[in-house]
N, C-alpha and C. Protein backbone atom coordinates (compact mmCIF):
# COMPACT_ATOMS: atom_id res chain seq x y z
N MET A 1 0.86 -1.15 0.02
CA MET A 1 0.00 0.04 0.01
C MET A 1 0.90 1.26 0.01
N ASP A 2 0.63 2.16 -0.91
CA ASP A 2 1.38 3.41 -0.93
C ASP A 2 0.65 4.40 -0.05
N ARG A 3 1.36 4.86 0.97
CA ARG A 3 0.78 5.79 1.90
C ARG A 3 1.28 7.15 1.58
N ARG A 4 0.50 8.16 1.93
CA ARG A 4 0.91 9.57 1.76
C ARG A 4 0.90 10.21 3.18
N LEU A 5 1.75 11.13 3.33
CA LEU A 5 1.89 11.90 4.55
C LEU A 5 1.52 13.36 4.22
N ILE A 6 0.48 13.79 4.94
CA ILE A 6 -0.06 15.14 4.66
C ILE A 6 0.12 15.99 5.96
N TRP A 7 0.70 17.14 5.81
CA TRP A 7 0.87 18.10 6.92
C TRP A 7 -0.19 19.13 6.84
N THR A 8 -0.98 19.32 7.93
CA THR A 8 -2.03 20.39 7.89
C THR A 8 -1.26 21.77 7.98
N GLU A 9 -2.06 22.76 7.69
CA GLU A 9 -1.50 24.13 7.82
C GLU A 9 -1.07 24.39 9.27
N ARG A 10 -1.86 23.93 10.21
CA ARG A 10 -1.54 24.06 11.63
C ARG A 10 -0.21 23.42 11.97
N ALA A 11 0.00 22.18 11.50
CA ALA A 11 1.29 21.48 11.78
C ALA A 11 2.47 22.19 11.15
N SER A 12 2.30 22.72 9.92
CA SER A 12 3.37 23.47 9.24
C SER A 12 3.69 24.74 10.04
N SER A 13 2.61 25.41 10.47
CA SER A 13 2.78 26.63 11.29
C SER A 13 3.53 26.29 12.60
N ASP A 14 3.22 25.19 13.17
CA ASP A 14 3.88 24.74 14.42
C ASP A 14 5.36 24.62 14.17
N ILE A 15 5.76 23.94 13.12
CA ILE A 15 7.17 23.81 12.83
C ILE A 15 7.88 25.18 12.66
N GLU A 16 7.18 26.01 11.90
CA GLU A 16 7.71 27.40 11.75
C GLU A 16 7.99 28.06 13.02
N ALA A 17 6.97 27.98 13.95
CA ALA A 17 7.06 28.66 15.24
C ALA A 17 8.20 28.08 16.08
N ILE A 18 8.33 26.73 16.06
CA ILE A 18 9.40 26.10 16.78
C ILE A 18 10.75 26.52 16.23
N VAL A 19 10.90 26.51 14.90
CA VAL A 19 12.17 26.90 14.33
C VAL A 19 12.50 28.37 14.68
N ARG A 20 11.58 29.27 14.58
CA ARG A 20 11.76 30.65 14.95
C ARG A 20 12.24 30.78 16.40
N TYR A 21 11.50 30.08 17.28
CA TYR A 21 11.81 30.17 18.72
C TYR A 21 13.26 29.64 18.98
N ILE A 22 13.62 28.57 18.43
CA ILE A 22 14.95 28.00 18.59
C ILE A 22 16.04 28.93 17.98
N ALA A 23 15.70 29.55 16.88
CA ALA A 23 16.62 30.42 16.16
C ALA A 23 17.11 31.57 17.05
N ARG A 24 16.19 32.03 17.96
CA ARG A 24 16.55 33.09 18.84
C ARG A 24 17.73 32.73 19.75
N ARG A 25 17.83 31.49 20.07
CA ARG A 25 18.89 31.06 20.98
C ARG A 25 20.10 30.38 20.24
N ASP A 26 19.76 29.65 19.21
CA ASP A 26 20.78 28.90 18.47
C ASP A 26 20.37 28.73 16.98
N PRO A 27 20.75 29.74 16.20
CA PRO A 27 20.34 29.73 14.76
C PRO A 27 20.72 28.47 14.03
N LYS A 28 21.94 27.93 14.36
CA LYS A 28 22.38 26.73 13.65
C LYS A 28 21.49 25.54 13.93
N ALA A 29 21.08 25.37 15.16
CA ALA A 29 20.29 24.24 15.60
C ALA A 29 18.83 24.37 15.06
N SER A 30 18.36 25.53 14.79
CA SER A 30 16.90 25.65 14.45
C SER A 30 16.58 24.90 13.17
N GLY A 31 17.40 24.97 12.15
CA GLY A 31 17.13 24.28 10.90
C GLY A 31 17.17 22.76 11.11
N SER A 32 18.06 22.33 11.86
CA SER A 32 18.23 20.84 12.02
C SER A 32 17.04 20.27 12.81
N ILE A 33 16.50 21.09 13.76
CA ILE A 33 15.32 20.66 14.53
C ILE A 33 14.11 20.54 13.63
N GLY A 34 13.89 21.58 12.81
CA GLY A 34 12.78 21.49 11.83
C GLY A 34 12.89 20.32 10.92
N LEU A 35 14.09 20.10 10.32
CA LEU A 35 14.35 18.96 9.48
C LEU A 35 14.16 17.61 10.22
N GLY A 36 14.58 17.61 11.46
CA GLY A 36 14.49 16.39 12.35
C GLY A 36 13.11 15.99 12.56
N ILE A 37 12.20 16.97 12.78
CA ILE A 37 10.82 16.67 12.99
C ILE A 37 10.19 16.05 11.70
N TYR A 38 10.50 16.67 10.59
CA TYR A 38 10.01 16.22 9.30
C TYR A 38 10.52 14.79 9.03
N GLN A 39 11.82 14.54 9.24
CA GLN A 39 12.35 13.25 8.98
C GLN A 39 11.83 12.14 9.95
N ARG A 40 11.60 12.51 11.15
CA ARG A 40 11.07 11.56 12.11
C ARG A 40 9.68 11.10 11.69
N ALA A 41 8.86 12.02 11.10
CA ALA A 41 7.54 11.67 10.71
C ALA A 41 7.56 10.71 9.56
N GLN A 42 8.57 10.67 8.77
CA GLN A 42 8.64 9.77 7.60
C GLN A 42 8.50 8.32 7.92
N ILE A 43 8.88 7.94 9.19
CA ILE A 43 8.69 6.55 9.62
C ILE A 43 7.24 6.07 9.57
N LEU A 44 6.28 7.06 9.62
CA LEU A 44 4.91 6.75 9.65
C LEU A 44 4.40 6.21 8.23
N LEU A 45 5.15 6.44 7.17
CA LEU A 45 4.82 5.94 5.91
C LEU A 45 4.82 4.44 5.88
N LYS A 46 5.84 3.85 6.57
CA LYS A 46 6.01 2.37 6.57
C LYS A 46 5.43 1.83 7.85
N HIS A 47 5.37 2.59 8.91
CA HIS A 47 4.93 2.08 10.20
C HIS A 47 3.96 3.07 10.84
N PRO A 48 2.73 3.18 10.31
CA PRO A 48 1.82 4.22 10.79
C PRO A 48 1.41 4.07 12.24
N GLU A 49 1.56 2.87 12.81
CA GLU A 49 1.21 2.72 14.21
C GLU A 49 2.42 2.79 15.16
N ALA A 50 3.47 3.40 14.63
CA ALA A 50 4.71 3.54 15.39
C ALA A 50 4.50 4.40 16.66
N GLY A 51 3.65 5.34 16.57
CA GLY A 51 3.30 6.18 17.72
C GLY A 51 2.21 5.58 18.58
N THR A 52 2.01 6.20 19.66
CA THR A 52 1.00 5.72 20.64
C THR A 52 -0.22 6.55 20.60
N VAL A 53 -1.34 6.05 21.14
CA VAL A 53 -2.59 6.80 21.20
C VAL A 53 -2.37 8.03 22.11
N LEU A 54 -2.84 9.16 21.64
CA LEU A 54 -2.71 10.38 22.37
C LEU A 54 -3.93 10.52 23.35
N ASP A 55 -3.68 10.34 24.60
CA ASP A 55 -4.78 10.26 25.59
C ASP A 55 -5.72 11.44 25.51
N GLU A 56 -5.17 12.66 25.38
CA GLU A 56 -6.04 13.84 25.42
C GLU A 56 -6.92 14.01 24.19
N LEU A 57 -6.56 13.32 23.06
CA LEU A 57 -7.32 13.42 21.85
C LEU A 57 -7.76 12.00 21.39
N ARG A 58 -7.94 11.13 22.37
CA ARG A 58 -8.24 9.73 22.09
C ARG A 58 -9.55 9.55 21.27
N GLU A 59 -10.54 10.41 21.48
CA GLU A 59 -11.84 10.30 20.79
C GLU A 59 -11.65 10.51 19.30
N GLY A 60 -10.80 11.35 18.88
CA GLY A 60 -10.50 11.59 17.47
C GLY A 60 -9.57 10.66 16.88
N ARG A 61 -9.15 9.63 17.64
CA ARG A 61 -8.15 8.60 17.22
C ARG A 61 -6.87 9.23 16.82
N TRP A 62 -6.43 10.25 17.52
CA TRP A 62 -5.13 10.92 17.27
C TRP A 62 -4.04 10.10 17.95
N ARG A 63 -2.89 10.05 17.38
CA ARG A 63 -1.77 9.36 17.93
C ARG A 63 -0.57 10.40 18.06
N LYS A 64 0.43 10.01 18.77
CA LYS A 64 1.66 10.83 18.83
C LYS A 64 2.90 10.05 18.60
N LEU A 65 3.83 10.65 17.92
CA LEU A 65 5.16 10.16 17.72
C LEU A 65 6.10 11.18 18.31
N ILE A 66 7.00 10.78 19.10
CA ILE A 66 7.88 11.70 19.82
C ILE A 66 9.16 11.92 19.03
N TYR A 67 9.55 13.23 18.93
CA TYR A 67 10.85 13.65 18.40
C TYR A 67 11.43 14.61 19.41
N ARG A 68 12.39 14.23 20.14
CA ARG A 68 13.06 14.95 21.21
C ARG A 68 12.00 15.47 22.19
N ARG A 69 11.72 16.80 22.14
CA ARG A 69 10.78 17.38 23.10
C ARG A 69 9.36 17.70 22.47
N TRP A 70 9.12 17.13 21.31
CA TRP A 70 7.87 17.45 20.59
C TRP A 70 7.07 16.23 20.31
N LYS A 71 5.77 16.43 20.31
CA LYS A 71 4.76 15.41 19.97
C LYS A 71 4.38 15.67 18.52
N ILE A 72 4.56 14.75 17.70
CA ILE A 72 4.06 14.84 16.29
C ILE A 72 2.68 14.14 16.36
N VAL A 73 1.63 14.99 16.29
CA VAL A 73 0.29 14.49 16.50
C VAL A 73 -0.31 14.18 15.14
N TYR A 74 -0.79 12.93 14.98
CA TYR A 74 -1.24 12.48 13.71
C TYR A 74 -2.44 11.49 13.81
N GLN A 75 -3.10 11.30 12.64
CA GLN A 75 -4.18 10.39 12.49
C GLN A 75 -3.87 9.46 11.31
N ILE A 76 -4.40 8.25 11.38
CA ILE A 76 -4.26 7.30 10.29
C ILE A 76 -5.62 7.25 9.61
N LEU A 77 -5.71 7.66 8.35
CA LEU A 77 -6.97 7.61 7.61
C LEU A 77 -6.77 6.81 6.36
N ASP A 78 -6.95 5.53 6.48
CA ASP A 78 -6.65 4.54 5.38
C ASP A 78 -5.26 4.69 4.97
N ASP A 79 -5.05 5.09 3.70
CA ASP A 79 -3.67 5.20 3.16
C ASP A 79 -3.06 6.59 3.31
N VAL A 80 -3.69 7.43 4.14
CA VAL A 80 -3.20 8.75 4.35
C VAL A 80 -2.91 8.93 5.82
N ILE A 81 -1.72 9.54 6.10
CA ILE A 81 -1.34 9.88 7.43
C ILE A 81 -1.42 11.38 7.55
N VAL A 82 -2.26 11.94 8.43
CA VAL A 82 -2.46 13.41 8.56
C VAL A 82 -1.77 13.86 9.82
N VAL A 83 -0.80 14.71 9.64
CA VAL A 83 -0.07 15.33 10.82
C VAL A 83 -0.86 16.61 11.14
N GLY A 84 -1.47 16.61 12.33
CA GLY A 84 -2.31 17.72 12.71
C GLY A 84 -1.65 18.81 13.52
N ARG A 85 -0.65 18.39 14.30
CA ARG A 85 0.06 19.34 15.15
C ARG A 85 1.52 18.91 15.39
N VAL A 86 2.37 19.75 15.72
CA VAL A 86 3.68 19.43 16.32
C VAL A 86 3.68 20.22 17.65
N TRP A 87 3.53 19.51 18.70
CA TRP A 87 3.23 20.12 20.02
C TRP A 87 4.37 19.93 20.97
N PRO A 88 4.85 21.04 21.58
CA PRO A 88 5.89 20.93 22.62
C PRO A 88 5.44 20.14 23.84
N ALA A 89 6.20 19.14 24.19
CA ALA A 89 5.74 18.30 25.34
C ALA A 89 5.65 19.15 26.64
N ALA A 90 6.50 20.19 26.79
CA ALA A 90 6.50 21.03 27.90
C ALA A 90 5.23 21.83 28.09
N LYS A 91 4.41 21.92 27.02
CA LYS A 91 3.12 22.64 27.14
C LYS A 91 1.98 21.74 27.60
N GLY A 92 2.34 20.51 27.89
CA GLY A 92 1.27 19.58 28.46
C GLY A 92 0.43 18.97 27.35
N ASP A 93 -0.84 18.81 27.64
CA ASP A 93 -1.75 18.20 26.71
C ASP A 93 -1.84 18.91 25.40
N ALA A 94 -1.80 18.18 24.28
CA ALA A 94 -1.92 18.74 22.98
C ALA A 94 -3.36 19.05 22.69
N ASP A 95 -3.56 20.10 21.89
CA ASP A 95 -4.87 20.36 21.34
C ASP A 95 -4.74 20.71 19.89
N LEU A 96 -5.87 20.83 19.21
CA LEU A 96 -5.84 21.03 17.79
C LEU A 96 -6.06 22.51 17.38
N SER A 97 -6.21 23.43 18.38
CA SER A 97 -6.57 24.80 18.03
C SER A 97 -5.68 25.88 18.57
N THR A 98 -4.97 25.63 19.71
CA THR A 98 -4.17 26.68 20.34
C THR A 98 -2.97 26.98 19.49
N PRO A 99 -2.74 28.18 19.04
CA PRO A 99 -1.54 28.50 18.23
C PRO A 99 -0.27 28.49 19.13
N LEU A 100 0.84 28.07 18.55
CA LEU A 100 2.10 28.17 19.23
C LEU A 100 2.70 29.54 18.89
N GLU A 101 3.27 30.18 19.91
CA GLU A 101 3.86 31.49 19.64
C GLU A 101 5.33 31.51 19.98
């Protein structure tokens, strides 16, 4: 089965916010963190159940895959993996609407 990985606008915005935040402290590391998040999510194409069920969004069947200090929040929809958020673990429970700043 050929799977596709789709990033929502919210997830893309999350990565941009994370990269901007890290760039204030360490510009060299910021790009590698953004790329690392993207590369980590690629495992879902072959192993969509690699992540665990996300307790706070269990009803929507959302799952999480961890990359360092971030939760890559995603759903499995047949042959499509939808990344809905990239959430800092330090912020606690992930949600689908709160913007990262």
